[in-house]
PDB file of N, CA and C in Angstrom:
ATOM      1  N   MET A   1     114.815  43.712  17.295  1.00  0.00           N
ATOM      2  CA  MET A   1     115.799  44.338  18.147  1.00  0.00           C
ATOM      3  C   MET A   1     115.287  45.706  18.580  1.00  0.00           C
ATOM      4  N   GLU A   2     115.309  45.931  19.871  1.00  0.00           N
ATOM      5  CA  GLU A   2     114.785  47.171  20.428  1.00  0.00           C
ATOM      6  C   GLU A   2     115.808  48.293  20.303  1.00  0.00           C
ATOM      7  N   GLU A   3     115.354  49.443  19.797  1.00  0.00           N
ATOM      8  CA  GLU A   3     116.255  50.580  19.633  1.00  0.00           C
ATOM      9  C   GLU A   3     116.363  51.344  20.953  1.00  0.00           C
ATOM     10  N   LYS A   4     117.591  51.674  21.359  1.00  0.00           N
ATOM     11  CA  LYS A   4     117.805  52.429  22.595  1.00  0.00           C
ATOM     12  C   LYS A   4     117.653  53.903  22.297  1.00  0.00           C
ATOM     13  N   LYS A   5     116.920  54.586  23.172  1.00  0.00           N
ATOM     14  CA  LYS A   5     116.736  56.022  23.026  1.00  0.00           C
ATOM     15  C   LYS A   5     117.609  56.730  24.043  1.00  0.00           C
ATOM     16  N   GLN A   6     118.217  57.808  23.625  1.00  0.00           N
ATOM     17  CA  GLN A   6     119.045  58.598  24.537  1.00  0.00           C
ATOM     18  C   GLN A   6     118.283  59.854  24.915  1.00  0.00           C
ATOM     19  N   ILE A   7     118.252  60.124  26.224  1.00  0.00           N
ATOM     20  CA  ILE A   7     117.593  61.326  26.730  1.00  0.00           C
ATOM     21  C   ILE A   7     118.651  62.181  27.407  1.00  0.00           C
ATOM     22  N   ASN A   8     118.745  63.425  26.997  1.00  0.00           N
ATOM     23  CA  ASN A   8     119.695  64.351  27.617  1.00  0.00           C
ATOM     24  C   ASN A   8     119.025  65.036  28.787  1.00  0.00           C
ATOM     25  N   VAL A   9     119.716  65.089  29.911  1.00  0.00           N
ATOM     26  CA  VAL A   9     119.183  65.708  31.118  1.00  0.00           C
ATOM     27  C   VAL A   9     120.195  66.715  31.627  1.00  0.00           C
ATOM     28  N   THR A  10     119.716  67.913  31.941  1.00  0.00           N
ATOM     29  CA  THR A  10     120.553  68.929  32.560  1.00  0.00           C
ATOM     30  C   THR A  10     120.001  69.199  33.943  1.00  0.00           C
ATOM     31  N   VAL A  11     120.870  69.185  34.946  1.00  0.00           N
ATOM     32  CA  VAL A  11     120.446  69.443  36.319  1.00  0.00           C
ATOM     33  C   VAL A  11     120.867  70.861  36.686  1.00  0.00           C
ATOM     34  N   ASP A  12     119.886  71.685  37.024  1.00  0.00           N
ATOM     35  CA  ASP A  12     120.160  73.047  37.476  1.00  0.00           C
ATOM     36  C   ASP A  12     120.190  73.022  38.999  1.00  0.00           C
ATOM     37  N   HIS A  13     121.362  73.215  39.565  1.00  0.00           N
ATOM     38  CA  HIS A  13     121.496  73.167  41.020  1.00  0.00           C
ATOM     39  C   HIS A  13     121.023  74.454  41.676  1.00  0.00           C
ATOM     40  N   GLY A  14     120.649  75.433  40.876  1.00  0.00           N
ATOM     41  CA  GLY A  14     120.056  76.665  41.406  1.00  0.00           C
ATOM     42  C   GLY A  14     120.946  77.381  42.383  1.00  0.00           C
ATOM     43  N   GLU A  15     120.316  77.963  43.363  1.00  0.00           N
ATOM     44  CA  GLU A  15     121.034  78.748  44.359  1.00  0.00           C
ATOM     45  C   GLU A  15     121.591  77.851  45.451  1.00  0.00           C
ATOM     46  N   HIS A  16     122.471  78.432  46.261  1.00  0.00           N
ATOM     47  CA  HIS A  16     123.030  77.710  47.394  1.00  0.00           C
ATOM     48  C   HIS A  16     121.925  77.406  48.408  1.00  0.00           C
ATOM     49  N   ALA A  17     122.216  76.513  49.323  1.00  0.00           N
ATOM     50  CA  ALA A  17     121.261  76.163  50.376  1.00  0.00           C
ATOM     51  C   ALA A  17     120.867  77.418  51.155  1.00  0.00           C
ATOM     52  N   PHE A  18     119.665  77.408  51.683  1.00  0.00           N
ATOM     53  CA  PHE A  18     119.115  78.560  52.387  1.00  0.00           C
ATOM     54  C   PHE A  18     118.796  78.157  53.809  1.00  0.00           C
ATOM     55  N   PHE A  19     119.455  78.782  54.797  1.00  0.00           N
ATOM     56  CA  PHE A  19     119.147  78.535  56.202  1.00  0.00           C
ATOM     57  C   PHE A  19     117.910  79.343  56.569  1.00  0.00           C
ATOM     58  N   THR A  20     116.988  78.728  57.270  1.00  0.00           N
ATOM     59  CA  THR A  20     115.776  79.436  57.680  1.00  0.00           C
ATOM     60  C   THR A  20     115.581  79.331  59.181  1.00  0.00           C
ATOM     61  N   ASP A  21     115.068  80.405  59.768  1.00  0.00           N
ATOM     62  CA  ASP A  21     114.776  80.387  61.206  1.00  0.00           C
ATOM     63  C   ASP A  21     113.326  80.767  61.486  1.00  0.00           C
ATOM     64  N   ASN A  22     112.512  80.793  60.435  1.00  0.00           N
ATOM     65  CA  ASN A  22     111.094  81.096  60.596  1.00  0.00           C
ATOM     66  C   ASN A  22     110.354  80.625  59.341  1.00  0.00           C
ATOM     67  N   VAL A  23     109.093  80.279  59.518  1.00  0.00           N
ATOM     68  CA  VAL A  23     108.296  79.859  58.364  1.00  0.00           C
ATOM     69  C   VAL A  23     106.852  80.319  58.558  1.00  0.00           C
ATOM     70  N   THR A  24     106.227  80.712  57.472  1.00  0.00           N
ATOM     71  CA  THR A  24     104.810  81.062  57.465  1.00  0.00           C
ATOM     72  C   THR A  24     104.138  80.171  56.425  1.00  0.00           C
ATOM     73  N   VAL A  25     103.016  79.576  56.800  1.00  0.00           N
ATOM     74  CA  VAL A  25     102.287  78.713  55.869  1.00  0.00           C
ATOM     75  C   VAL A  25     100.878  79.272  55.704  1.00  0.00           C
ATOM     76  N   LEU A  26     100.496  79.476  54.466  1.00  0.00           N
ATOM     77  CA  LEU A  26      99.150  79.947  54.126  1.00  0.00           C
ATOM     78  C   LEU A  26      98.548  78.985  53.110  1.00  0.00           C
ATOM     79  N   HIS A  27      97.240  79.012  52.988  1.00  0.00           N
ATOM     80  CA  HIS A  27      96.612  78.185  51.964  1.00  0.00           C
ATOM     81  C   HIS A  27      95.299  78.805  51.498  1.00  0.00           C
ATOM     82  N   ASN A  28      94.912  78.412  50.311  1.00  0.00           N
ATOM     83  CA  ASN A  28      93.574  78.686  49.804  1.00  0.00           C
ATOM     84  C   ASN A  28      93.116  77.393  49.139  1.00  0.00           C
ATOM     85  N   PRO A  29      91.964  77.337  48.503  1.00  0.00           N
ATOM     86  CA  PRO A  29      91.510  76.057  47.945  1.00  0.00           C
ATOM     87  C   PRO A  29      92.433  75.463  46.878  1.00  0.00           C
ATOM     88  N   ASN A  30      93.291  76.283  46.271  1.00  0.00           N
ATOM     89  CA  ASN A  30      94.091  75.810  45.146  1.00  0.00           C
ATOM     90  C   ASN A  30      95.573  75.607  45.437  1.00  0.00           C
ATOM     91  N   LYS A  31      96.087  76.164  46.543  1.00  0.00           N
ATOM     92  CA  LYS A  31      97.526  76.094  46.758  1.00  0.00           C
ATOM     93  C   LYS A  31      97.891  76.284  48.226  1.00  0.00           C
ATOM     94  N   PHE A  32      99.087  75.818  48.550  1.00  0.00           N
ATOM     95  CA  PHE A  32      99.718  76.086  49.831  1.00  0.00           C
ATOM     96  C   PHE A  32     100.920  76.974  49.531  1.00  0.00           C
ATOM     97  N   VAL A  33     101.099  78.008  50.327  1.00  0.00           N
ATOM     98  CA  VAL A  33     102.244  78.902  50.185  1.00  0.00           C
ATOM     99  C   VAL A  33     103.087  78.754  51.449  1.00  0.00           C
ATOM    100  N   ILE A  34     104.330  78.327  51.274  1.00  0.00           N
ATOM    101  CA  ILE A  34     105.249  78.160  52.397  1.00  0.00           C
ATOM    102  C   ILE A  34     106.359  79.186  52.206  1.00  0.00           C
ATOM    103  N   ASP A  35     106.429  80.144  53.114  1.00  0.00           N
ATOM    104  CA  ASP A  35     107.397  81.234  53.014  1.00  0.00           C
ATOM    105  C   ASP A  35     108.441  81.070  54.117  1.00  0.00           C
ATOM    106  N   PHE A  36     109.648  80.665  53.738  1.00  0.00           N
ATOM    107  CA  PHE A  36     110.747  80.493  54.671  1.00  0.00           C
ATOM    108  C   PHE A  36     111.493  81.819  54.774  1.00  0.00           C
ATOM    109  N   THR A  37     111.765  82.277  56.001  1.00  0.00           N
ATOM    110  CA  THR A  37     112.503  83.532  56.167  1.00  0.00           C
ATOM    111  C   THR A  37     113.746  83.324  57.015  1.00  0.00           C
ATOM    112  N   GLN A  38     114.686  84.235  56.829  1.00  0.00           N
ATOM    113  CA  GLN A  38     115.952  84.249  57.544  1.00  0.00           C
ATOM    114  C   GLN A  38     116.197  85.680  57.988  1.00  0.00           C
ATOM    115  N   THR A  39     116.365  85.880  59.286  1.00  0.00           N
ATOM    116  CA  THR A  39     116.607  87.217  59.821  1.00  0.00           C
ATOM    117  C   THR A  39     118.076  87.341  60.199  1.00  0.00           C
ATOM    118  N   ILE A  40     118.734  88.362  59.660  1.00  0.00           N
ATOM    119  CA  ILE A  40     120.157  88.572  59.903  1.00  0.00           C
ATOM    120  C   ILE A  40     120.351  89.943  60.529  1.00  0.00           C
ATOM    121  N   PRO A  41     120.829  90.004  61.789  1.00  0.00           N
ATOM    122  CA  PRO A  41     121.096  91.311  62.399  1.00  0.00           C
ATOM    123  C   PRO A  41     122.376  91.912  61.814  1.00  0.00           C
ATOM    124  N   LYS A  42     122.384  93.206  61.665  1.00  0.00           N
ATOM    125  CA  LYS A  42     123.529  93.904  61.083  1.00  0.00           C
ATOM    126  C   LYS A  42     123.774  95.168  61.902  1.00  0.00           C
ATOM    127  N   PHE A  43     125.035  95.491  62.147  1.00  0.00           N
ATOM    128  CA  PHE A  43     125.397  96.699  62.895  1.00  0.00           C
ATOM    129  C   PHE A  43     126.201  97.603  61.987  1.00  0.00           C
ATOM    130  N   ASP A  44     125.729  98.830  61.811  1.00  0.00           N
ATOM    131  CA  ASP A  44     126.420  99.814  60.977  1.00  0.00           C
ATOM    132  C   ASP A  44     126.881 100.973  61.843  1.00  0.00           C
ATOM    133  N   ASN A  45     128.051 101.501  61.532  1.00  0.00           N
ATOM    134  CA  ASN A  45     128.564 102.684  62.214  1.00  0.00           C
ATOM    135  C   ASN A  45     128.328 103.866  61.285  1.00  0.00           C
ATOM    136  N   ILE A  46     127.335 104.663  61.627  1.00  0.00           N
ATOM    137  CA  ILE A  46     126.958 105.805  60.796  1.00  0.00           C
ATOM    138  C   ILE A  46     127.259 107.074  61.574  1.00  0.00           C
ATOM    139  N   ALA A  47     128.201 107.844  61.079  1.00  0.00           N
ATOM    140  CA  ALA A  47     128.611 109.102  61.713  1.00  0.00           C
ATOM    141  C   ALA A  47     128.931 108.897  63.201  1.00  0.00           C
ATOM    142  N   GLY A  48     129.650 107.826  63.509  1.00  0.00           N
ATOM    143  CA  GLY A  48     130.047 107.579  64.887  1.00  0.00           C
ATOM    144  C   GLY A  48     128.986 106.943  65.757  1.00  0.00           C
ATOM    145  N   LYS A  49     127.790 106.718  65.212  1.00  0.00           N
ATOM    146  CA  LYS A  49     126.707 106.075  65.968  1.00  0.00           C
ATOM    147  C   LYS A  49     126.479 104.670  65.430  1.00  0.00           C
ATOM    148  N   VAL A  50     126.423 103.712  66.354  1.00  0.00           N
ATOM    149  CA  VAL A  50     126.144 102.342  65.940  1.00  0.00           C
ATOM    150  C   VAL A  50     124.638 102.174  65.806  1.00  0.00           C
ATOM    151  N   GLN A  51     124.236 101.703  64.631  1.00  0.00           N
ATOM    152  CA  GLN A  51     122.814 101.515  64.349  1.00  0.00           C
ATOM    153  C   GLN A  51     122.592 100.056  63.960  1.00  0.00           C
ATOM    154  N   GLN A  52     121.616  99.409  64.601  1.00  0.00           N
ATOM    155  CA  GLN A  52     121.307  98.023  64.291  1.00  0.00           C
ATOM    156  C   GLN A  52     120.148  97.973  63.304  1.00  0.00           C
ATOM    157  N   THR A  53     120.319  97.157  62.287  1.00  0.00           N
ATOM    158  CA  THR A  53     119.244  96.906  61.330  1.00  0.00           C
ATOM    159  C   THR A  53     119.125  95.397  61.163  1.00  0.00           C
ATOM    160  N   PHE A  54     117.998  94.969  60.669  1.00  0.00           N
ATOM    161  CA  PHE A  54     117.781  93.558  60.397  1.00  0.00           C
ATOM    162  C   PHE A  54     117.514  93.384  58.914  1.00  0.00           C
ATOM    163  N   THR A  55     118.180  92.444  58.321  1.00  0.00           N
ATOM    164  CA  THR A  55     117.928  92.082  56.935  1.00  0.00           C
ATOM    165  C   THR A  55     117.107  90.805  56.958  1.00  0.00           C
ATOM    166  N   ILE A  56     115.999  90.808  56.255  1.00  0.00           N
ATOM    167  CA  ILE A  56     115.151  89.621  56.191  1.00  0.00           C
ATOM    168  C   ILE A  56     115.129  89.131  54.747  1.00  0.00           C
ATOM    169  N   LYS A  57     115.590  87.897  54.572  1.00  0.00           N
ATOM    170  CA  LYS A  57     115.550  87.256  53.259  1.00  0.00           C
ATOM    171  C   LYS A  57     114.453  86.207  53.308  1.00  0.00           C
ATOM    172  N   HIS A  58     113.858  85.923  52.167  1.00  0.00           N
ATOM    173  CA  HIS A  58     112.866  84.850  52.165  1.00  0.00           C
ATOM    174  C   HIS A  58     112.879  84.085  50.857  1.00  0.00           C
ATOM    175  N   LYS A  59     112.473  82.849  50.967  1.00  0.00           N
ATOM    176  CA  LYS A  59     112.307  81.958  49.818  1.00  0.00           C
ATOM    177  C   LYS A  59     110.914  81.359  49.951  1.00  0.00           C
ATOM    178  N   THR A  60     110.184  81.367  48.879  1.00  0.00           N
ATOM    179  CA  THR A  60     108.798  80.913  48.915  1.00  0.00           C
ATOM    180  C   THR A  60     108.615  79.681  48.045  1.00  0.00           C
ATOM    181  N   VAL A  61     107.865  78.726  48.566  1.00  0.00           N
ATOM    182  CA  VAL A  61     107.516  77.517  47.819  1.00  0.00           C
ATOM    183  C   VAL A  61     105.993  77.471  47.732  1.00  0.00           C
ATOM    184  N   ILE A  62     105.481  77.260  46.526  1.00  0.00           N
ATOM    185  CA  ILE A  62     104.033  77.166  46.327  1.00  0.00           C
ATOM    186  C   ILE A  62     103.735  75.754  45.826  1.00  0.00           C
ATOM    187  N   LEU A  63     102.817  75.061  46.528  1.00  0.00           N
ATOM    188  CA  LEU A  63     102.495  73.670  46.220  1.00  0.00           C
ATOM    189  C   LEU A  63     101.005  73.509  45.967  1.00  0.00           C
ATOM    190  N   ASP A  64     100.665  72.615  45.038  1.00  0.00           N
ATOM    191  CA  ASP A  64      99.243  72.294  44.923  1.00  0.00           C
ATOM    192  C   ASP A  64      98.890  71.364  46.093  1.00  0.00           C
ATOM    193  N   PRO A  65      97.609  71.254  46.452  1.00  0.00           N
ATOM    194  CA  PRO A  65      97.227  70.489  47.648  1.00  0.00           C
ATOM    195  C   PRO A  65      97.718  69.037  47.646  1.00  0.00           C
ATOM    196  N   GLN A  66      97.666  68.371  46.496  1.00  0.00           N
ATOM    197  CA  GLN A  66      98.101  66.977  46.449  1.00  0.00           C
ATOM    198  C   GLN A  66      99.595  66.859  46.740  1.00  0.00           C
ATOM    199  N   PHE A  67     100.404  67.741  46.150  1.00  0.00           N
ATOM    200  CA  PHE A  67     101.832  67.662  46.397  1.00  0.00           C
ATOM    201  C   PHE A  67     102.175  68.102  47.815  1.00  0.00           C
ATOM    202  N   ALA A  68     101.393  69.021  48.376  1.00  0.00           N
ATOM    203  CA  ALA A  68     101.598  69.421  49.774  1.00  0.00           C
ATOM    204  C   ALA A  68     101.447  68.202  50.682  1.00  0.00           C
ATOM    205  N   LYS A  69     100.469  67.352  50.405  1.00  0.00           N
ATOM    206  CA  LYS A  69     100.250  66.142  51.209  1.00  0.00           C
ATOM    207  C   LYS A  69     101.398  65.151  51.023  1.00  0.00           C
ATOM    208  N   ILE A  70     101.886  65.007  49.795  1.00  0.00           N
ATOM    209  CA  ILE A  70     103.028  64.126  49.519  1.00  0.00           C
ATOM    210  C   ILE A  70     104.259  64.643  50.273  1.00  0.00           C
ATOM    211  N   PHE A  71     104.483  65.959  50.227  1.00  0.00           N
ATOM    212  CA  PHE A  71     105.617  66.569  50.925  1.00  0.00           C
ATOM    213  C   PHE A  71     105.498  66.348  52.433  1.00  0.00           C
ATOM    214  N   LEU A  72     104.301  66.577  52.980  1.00  0.00           N
ATOM    215  CA  LEU A  72     104.073  66.382  54.414  1.00  0.00           C
ATOM    216  C   LEU A  72     104.426  64.957  54.838  1.00  0.00           C
ATOM    217  N   ASN A  73     103.949  63.965  54.090  1.00  0.00           N
ATOM    218  CA  ASN A  73     104.232  62.567  54.424  1.00  0.00           C
ATOM    219  C   ASN A  73     105.727  62.266  54.352  1.00  0.00           C
ATOM    220  N   ALA A  74     106.408  62.775  53.320  1.00  0.00           N
ATOM    221  CA  ALA A  74     107.847  62.542  53.179  1.00  0.00           C
ATOM    222  C   ALA A  74     108.614  63.216  54.315  1.00  0.00           C
ATOM    223  N   PHE A  75     108.208  64.420  54.689  1.00  0.00           N
ATOM    224  CA  PHE A  75     108.894  65.155  55.754  1.00  0.00           C
ATOM    225  C   PHE A  75     108.686  64.467  57.104  1.00  0.00           C
ATOM    226  N   GLN A  76     107.448  64.055  57.394  1.00  0.00           N
ATOM    227  CA  GLN A  76     107.160  63.346  58.645  1.00  0.00           C
ATOM    228  C   GLN A  76     107.967  62.051  58.728  1.00  0.00           C
ATOM    229  N   ASP A  77     108.061  61.332  57.619  1.00  0.00           N
ATOM    230  CA  ASP A  77     108.824  60.090  57.585  1.00  0.00           C
ATOM    231  C   ASP A  77     110.302  60.360  57.884  1.00  0.00           C
ATOM    232  N   ASN A  78     110.843  61.424  57.312  1.00  0.00           N
ATOM    233  CA  ASN A  78     112.251  61.755  57.543  1.00  0.00           C
ATOM    234  C   ASN A  78     112.514  62.233  58.962  1.00  0.00           C
ATOM    235  N   VAL A  79     111.607  62.988  59.550  1.00  0.00           N
ATOM    236  CA  VAL A  79     111.770  63.413  60.950  1.00  0.00           C
ATOM    237  C   VAL A  79     111.748  62.178  61.855  1.00  0.00           C
ATOM    238  N   LYS A  80     110.853  61.232  61.581  1.00  0.00           N
ATOM    239  CA  LYS A  80     110.797  60.000  62.376  1.00  0.00           C
ATOM    240  C   LYS A  80     112.107  59.224  62.262  1.00  0.00           C
ATOM    241  N   LYS A  81     112.629  59.080  61.053  1.00  0.00           N
ATOM    242  CA  LYS A  81     113.901  58.370  60.854  1.00  0.00           C
ATOM    243  C   LYS A  81     115.039  59.084  61.576  1.00  0.00           C
ATOM    244  N   TYR A  82     115.045  60.419  61.522  1.00  0.00           N
ATOM    245  CA  TYR A  82     116.064  61.199  62.220  1.00  0.00           C
ATOM    246  C   TYR A  82     116.007  60.920  63.721  1.00  0.00           C
ATOM    247  N   GLU A  83     114.785  60.989  64.289  1.00  0.00           N
ATOM    248  CA  GLU A  83     114.626  60.777  65.730  1.00  0.00           C
ATOM    249  C   GLU A  83     114.949  59.338  66.129  1.00  0.00           C
ATOM    250  N   ASP A  84     114.649  58.378  65.278  1.00  0.00           N
ATOM    251  CA  ASP A  84     115.007  56.986  65.566  1.00  0.00           C
ATOM    252  C   ASP A  84     116.527  56.826  65.642  1.00  0.00           C
ATOM    253  N   LYS A  85     117.228  57.579  64.818  1.00  0.00           N
ATOM    254  CA  LYS A  85     118.693  57.453  64.756  1.00  0.00           C
ATOM    255  C   LYS A  85     119.409  58.331  65.784  1.00  0.00           C
ATOM    256  N   PHE A  86     118.928  59.576  65.974  1.00  0.00           N
ATOM    257  CA  PHE A  86     119.650  60.549  66.797  1.00  0.00           C
ATOM    258  C   PHE A  86     118.945  60.938  68.089  1.00  0.00           C
ATOM    259  N   GLY A  87     117.732  60.499  68.294  1.00  0.00           N
ATOM    260  CA  GLY A  87     116.977  60.860  69.488  1.00  0.00           C
ATOM    261  C   GLY A  87     115.934  61.924  69.191  1.00  0.00           C
ATOM    262  N   LYS A  88     114.999  62.044  70.121  1.00  0.00           N
ATOM    263  CA  LYS A  88     113.877  62.969  69.961  1.00  0.00           C
ATOM    264  C   LYS A  88     114.364  64.409  69.835  1.00  0.00           C
ATOM    265  N   ILE A  89     113.775  65.139  68.918  1.00  0.00           N
ATOM    266  CA  ILE A  89     114.070  66.561  68.743  1.00  0.00           C
ATOM    267  C   ILE A  89     113.277  67.314  69.799  1.00  0.00           C
ATOM    268  N   LYS A  90     113.978  68.035  70.652  1.00  0.00           N
ATOM    269  CA  LYS A  90     113.313  68.778  71.723  1.00  0.00           C
ATOM    270  C   LYS A  90     113.210  70.245  71.324  1.00  0.00           C
ATOM    271  N   LEU A  91     112.026  70.799  71.502  1.00  0.00           N
ATOM    272  CA  LEU A  91     111.794  72.207  71.205  1.00  0.00           C
ATOM    273  C   LEU A  91     111.689  72.985  72.507  1.00  0.00           C
ATOM    274  N   PRO A  92     112.302  74.174  72.561  1.00  0.00           N
ATOM    275  CA  PRO A  92     112.094  75.022  73.736  1.00  0.00           C
ATOM    276  C   PRO A  92     110.616  75.404  73.807  1.00  0.00           C
ATOM    277  N   PRO A  93     110.085  75.634  75.023  1.00  0.00           N
ATOM    278  CA  PRO A  93     108.651  75.941  75.156  1.00  0.00           C
ATOM    279  C   PRO A  93     108.172  77.075  74.246  1.00  0.00           C
ATOM    280  N   LYS A  94     108.974  78.118  74.071  1.00  0.00           N
ATOM    281  CA  LYS A  94     108.550  79.245  73.230  1.00  0.00           C
ATOM    282  C   LYS A  94     108.541  78.895  71.757  1.00  0.00           C
ATOM    283  N   GLN A  95     109.221  77.826  71.365  1.00  0.00           N
ATOM    284  CA  GLN A  95     109.323  77.465  69.957  1.00  0.00           C
ATOM    285  C   GLN A  95     108.300  76.426  69.518  1.00  0.00           C
ATOM    286  N   GLU A  96     107.440  75.989  70.437  1.00  0.00           N
ATOM    287  CA  GLU A  96     106.424  75.013  70.055  1.00  0.00           C
ATOM    288  C   GLU A  96     105.588  75.595  68.920  1.00  0.00           C
ATOM    289  N   ALA A  97     105.297  74.778  67.958  1.00  0.00           N
ATOM    290  CA  ALA A  97     104.512  75.240  66.816  1.00  0.00           C
ATOM    291  C   ALA A  97     103.106  75.591  67.253  1.00  0.00           C
ATOM    292  N   LYS A  98     102.603  76.711  66.750  1.00  0.00           N
ATOM    293  CA  LYS A  98     101.225  77.110  67.016  1.00  0.00           C
ATOM    294  C   LYS A  98     100.401  76.784  65.785  1.00  0.00           C
ATOM    295  N   GLU A  99      99.226  76.249  66.005  1.00  0.00           N
ATOM    296  CA  GLU A  99      98.344  76.006  64.881  1.00  0.00           C
ATOM    297  C   GLU A  99      97.532  77.265  64.657  1.00  0.00           C
ATOM    298  N   GLU A 100      97.646  77.785  63.445  1.00  0.00           N
ATOM    299  CA  GLU A 100      96.953  79.009  63.111  1.00  0.00           C
ATOM    300  C   GLU A 100      96.204  78.786  61.806  1.00  0.00           C
ATOM    301  N   HIS A 101      95.023  79.284  61.718  1.00  0.00           N
ATOM    302  CA  HIS A 101      94.248  79.148  60.492  1.00  0.00           C
ATOM    303  C   HIS A 101      94.027  80.545  59.924  1.00  0.00           C
ATOM    304  N   ILE A 102      94.573  80.766  58.736  1.00  0.00           N
ATOM    305  CA  ILE A 102      94.417  82.061  58.080  1.00  0.00           C
ATOM    306  C   ILE A 102      93.739  81.810  56.745  1.00  0.00           C
ATOM    307  N   GLU A 103      92.607  82.437  56.547  1.00  0.00           N
ATOM    308  CA  GLU A 103      91.891  82.306  55.282  1.00  0.00           C
ATOM    309  C   GLU A 103      92.499  83.267  54.266  1.00  0.00           C
ATOM    310  N   VAL A 104      92.749  82.763  53.079  1.00  0.00           N
ATOM    311  CA  VAL A 104      93.238  83.594  51.990  1.00  0.00           C
ATOM    312  C   VAL A 104      92.210  83.491  50.885  1.00  0.00           C
ATOM    313  N   ASP A 105      91.600  84.622  50.524  1.00  0.00           N
ATOM    314  CA  ASP A 105      90.557  84.545  49.507  1.00  0.00           C
ATOM    315  C   ASP A 105      91.163  84.265  48.136  1.00  0.00           C
ATOM    316  N   GLY A 106      90.355  83.725  47.262  1.00  0.00           N
ATOM    317  CA  GLY A 106      90.813  83.336  45.930  1.00  0.00           C
ATOM    318  C   GLY A 106      91.314  84.493  45.093  1.00  0.00           C
ATOM    319  N   ALA A 107      90.906  85.714  45.392  1.00  0.00           N
ATOM    320  CA  ALA A 107      91.319  86.866  44.612  1.00  0.00           C
ATOM    321  C   ALA A 107      92.700  87.357  45.024  1.00  0.00           C
ATOM    322  N   SER A 108      93.207  86.926  46.172  1.00  0.00           N
ATOM    323  CA  SER A 108      94.499  87.432  46.624  1.00  0.00           C
ATOM    324  C   SER A 108      95.609  86.886  45.760  1.00  0.00           C
ATOM    325  N   ARG A 109      96.660  87.633  45.646  1.00  0.00           N
ATOM    326  CA  ARG A 109      97.821  87.242  44.870  1.00  0.00           C
ATOM    327  C   ARG A 109      99.039  87.359  45.759  1.00  0.00           C
ATOM    328  N   TYR A 110      99.921  86.373  45.686  1.00  0.00           N
ATOM    329  CA  TYR A 110     101.162  86.425  46.453  1.00  0.00           C
ATOM    330  C   TYR A 110     102.196  87.166  45.639  1.00  0.00           C
ATOM    331  N   ILE A 111     102.813  88.153  46.193  1.00  0.00           N
ATOM    332  CA  ILE A 111     103.896  88.879  45.524  1.00  0.00           C
ATOM    333  C   ILE A 111     105.127  88.692  46.373  1.00  0.00           C
ATOM    334  N   GLY A 112     106.145  88.048  45.849  1.00  0.00           N
ATOM    335  CA  GLY A 112     107.307  87.748  46.665  1.00  0.00           C
ATOM    336  C   GLY A 112     108.596  88.031  46.055  1.00  0.00           C
TER     337      GLY A 112
END
């Protein structure tokens, strides 16, 4: 008779969802760094003068190369399924993704 093993699992739901309106992707031989940012305009009335400031929040994800490829395939598959169901996602001309290659040397450290 096979003994049943019980495994306790706790799910940490972490922080609330994060809306992003910009992303920066960097890589080196060992990792991909994906930095999602959110820019929030703010207006303050200081001594009768309205002053505009921007608050920038960011969340960073660091992936090893193999998982970056797995993530890319899963994301591409989901975008295709979305477009099959809801229609092609159209980007304004200024929002077209630019391919940029930035070298990050192995000695650099990400501080976020």
